[in-house]
Amino acid sequence: MFNLKTLQRNKTVKYGVPMLLLIVGGSFGLREFTQIRYDAQKIRKKLDPSLEAKVDVQRQSVILQEEYEVVGACRANSQRTRWWTPAVMEAVKLKEESFRA
């Protein structure tokens, strides 16, 4: 039927088959590499809970209130904390309510 020399001289077999193998094999390889890329991006996007709270507006007001309480508790008996007055506390509460709305 066909001998080896006839197949070696055929341009379809000589150039077409390797090209087809390259295209099909390349698509499988490319799919694997892009999946690795997206998996790495997904891992990088996972944030620390404290950083995530800073980004999330709903949880941001709670974090701010906790920080103000920590600052107020640390310096409550100090003479240098004259800025933490009832007016400032009221302004902080109003700011938190505006974030929640």
Protein backbone atom coordinates (compact mmCIF):
# COMPACT_ATOMS: atom_id res chain seq x y z
CA MET A 1 0.00 0.00 0.00
CA PHE A 2 2.10 2.91 1.26
CA ASN A 3 5.74 2.50 1.88
CA LEU A 4 7.84 4.65 4.23
CA LYS A 5 9.56 6.66 1.47
CA THR A 6 6.24 7.75 0.02
CA LEU A 7 5.05 8.97 3.43
CA GLN A 8 8.31 10.86 4.03
CA ARG A 9 7.93 12.72 0.75
CA ASN A 10 4.30 13.64 1.37
CA LYS A 11 4.11 17.32 2.42
CA THR A 12 1.00 16.79 4.55
CA VAL A 13 2.73 14.18 6.65
CA LYS A 14 6.05 16.05 6.71
CA TYR A 15 4.70 19.50 7.68
CA GLY A 16 1.01 19.17 8.54
CA VAL A 17 1.11 16.48 11.21
CA PRO A 18 3.84 18.15 13.32
CA MET A 19 2.02 21.46 13.01
CA LEU A 20 -1.24 19.87 14.12
CA LEU A 21 0.50 18.21 17.07
CA LEU A 22 2.07 21.53 18.03
CA ILE A 23 -1.28 23.36 17.96
CA VAL A 24 -3.19 20.70 19.92
CA GLY A 25 -0.36 20.14 22.43
CA GLY A 26 0.12 23.89 22.83
CA SER A 27 -3.53 24.43 23.68
CA PHE A 28 -3.36 21.85 26.46
CA GLY A 29 -0.12 23.33 27.79
CA LEU A 30 -1.48 26.86 27.63
CA ARG A 31 -4.59 25.83 29.53
CA GLU A 32 -2.48 24.38 32.35
CA PHE A 33 -0.26 27.46 32.59
CA THR A 34 -3.20 29.86 32.66
CA GLN A 35 -4.83 27.79 35.40
CA ILE A 36 -1.65 28.08 37.47
CA ARG A 37 -1.71 31.84 36.90
CA TYR A 38 -5.30 32.24 38.08
CA ASP A 39 -4.73 29.99 41.09
CA ALA A 40 -1.75 32.13 42.11
CA GLN A 41 -3.84 35.31 41.75
CA LYS A 42 -6.59 33.80 43.88
CA ILE A 43 -4.10 32.96 46.63
CA ARG A 44 -2.64 36.46 46.52
CA LYS A 45 -6.09 38.04 46.77
CA LYS A 46 -6.85 36.33 50.07
CA LEU A 47 -6.41 39.09 52.63
CA ASP A 48 -5.55 39.06 56.26
CA PRO A 49 -8.76 39.55 58.33
CA SER A 50 -7.51 42.85 59.72
CA LEU A 51 -6.68 44.13 56.24
CA GLU A 52 -9.97 42.85 54.89
CA ALA A 53 -11.83 44.80 57.56
CA LYS A 54 -10.01 47.95 56.54
CA VAL A 55 -11.20 47.48 52.98
CA ASP A 56 -14.79 46.47 53.84
CA VAL A 57 -16.86 49.56 54.65
CA GLN A 58 -19.36 47.65 56.81
CA ARG A 59 -16.68 46.37 59.17
CA GLN A 60 -14.56 49.52 58.98
CA SER A 61 -16.66 51.48 61.48
CA VAL A 62 -16.34 48.67 64.03
CA ILE A 63 -12.57 48.64 63.63
CA LEU A 64 -12.44 52.44 64.03
CA GLN A 65 -14.46 52.26 67.21
CA GLU A 66 -12.16 49.56 68.60
CA GLU A 67 -9.11 51.67 67.78
CA TYR A 68 -10.58 54.73 69.44
CA GLU A 69 -11.36 52.69 72.53
CA VAL A 70 -7.79 51.38 72.63
CA VAL A 71 -6.33 54.86 72.25
CA GLY A 72 -8.73 56.25 74.84
CA ALA A 73 -8.01 53.40 77.27
CA CYS A 74 -4.26 53.74 76.90
CA ARG A 75 -4.26 57.43 77.59
CA ALA A 76 -7.36 57.84 79.75
CA ASN A 77 -5.46 58.86 82.88
CA SER A 78 -2.84 60.87 81.05
CA GLN A 79 -2.81 64.66 81.01
CA ARG A 80 -1.83 64.64 77.33
CA THR A 81 -5.19 63.32 76.10
CA ARG A 82 -7.11 66.55 76.19
CA TRP A 83 -8.35 66.00 72.66
CA TRP A 84 -10.60 63.04 73.64
CA THR A 85 -13.46 65.17 74.83
CA PRO A 86 -17.20 64.41 74.80
CA ALA A 87 -17.52 66.54 71.66
CA VAL A 88 -14.95 64.37 69.89
CA MET A 89 -16.74 61.22 71.06
CA GLU A 90 -20.00 62.55 69.66
CA ALA A 91 -18.33 63.40 66.35
CA VAL A 92 -16.94 59.86 66.13
CA LYS A 93 -20.39 58.39 66.75
CA LEU A 94 -21.89 60.59 64.03
CA LYS A 95 -19.15 59.54 61.62
CA GLU A 96 -19.81 55.86 62.34
CA GLU A 97 -23.53 56.33 61.76
CA SER A 98 -22.84 58.02 58.43
CA PHE A 99 -20.73 55.02 57.36
CA ARG A 100 -23.53 52.61 58.26
CA ALA A 101 -26.12 54.57 56.29
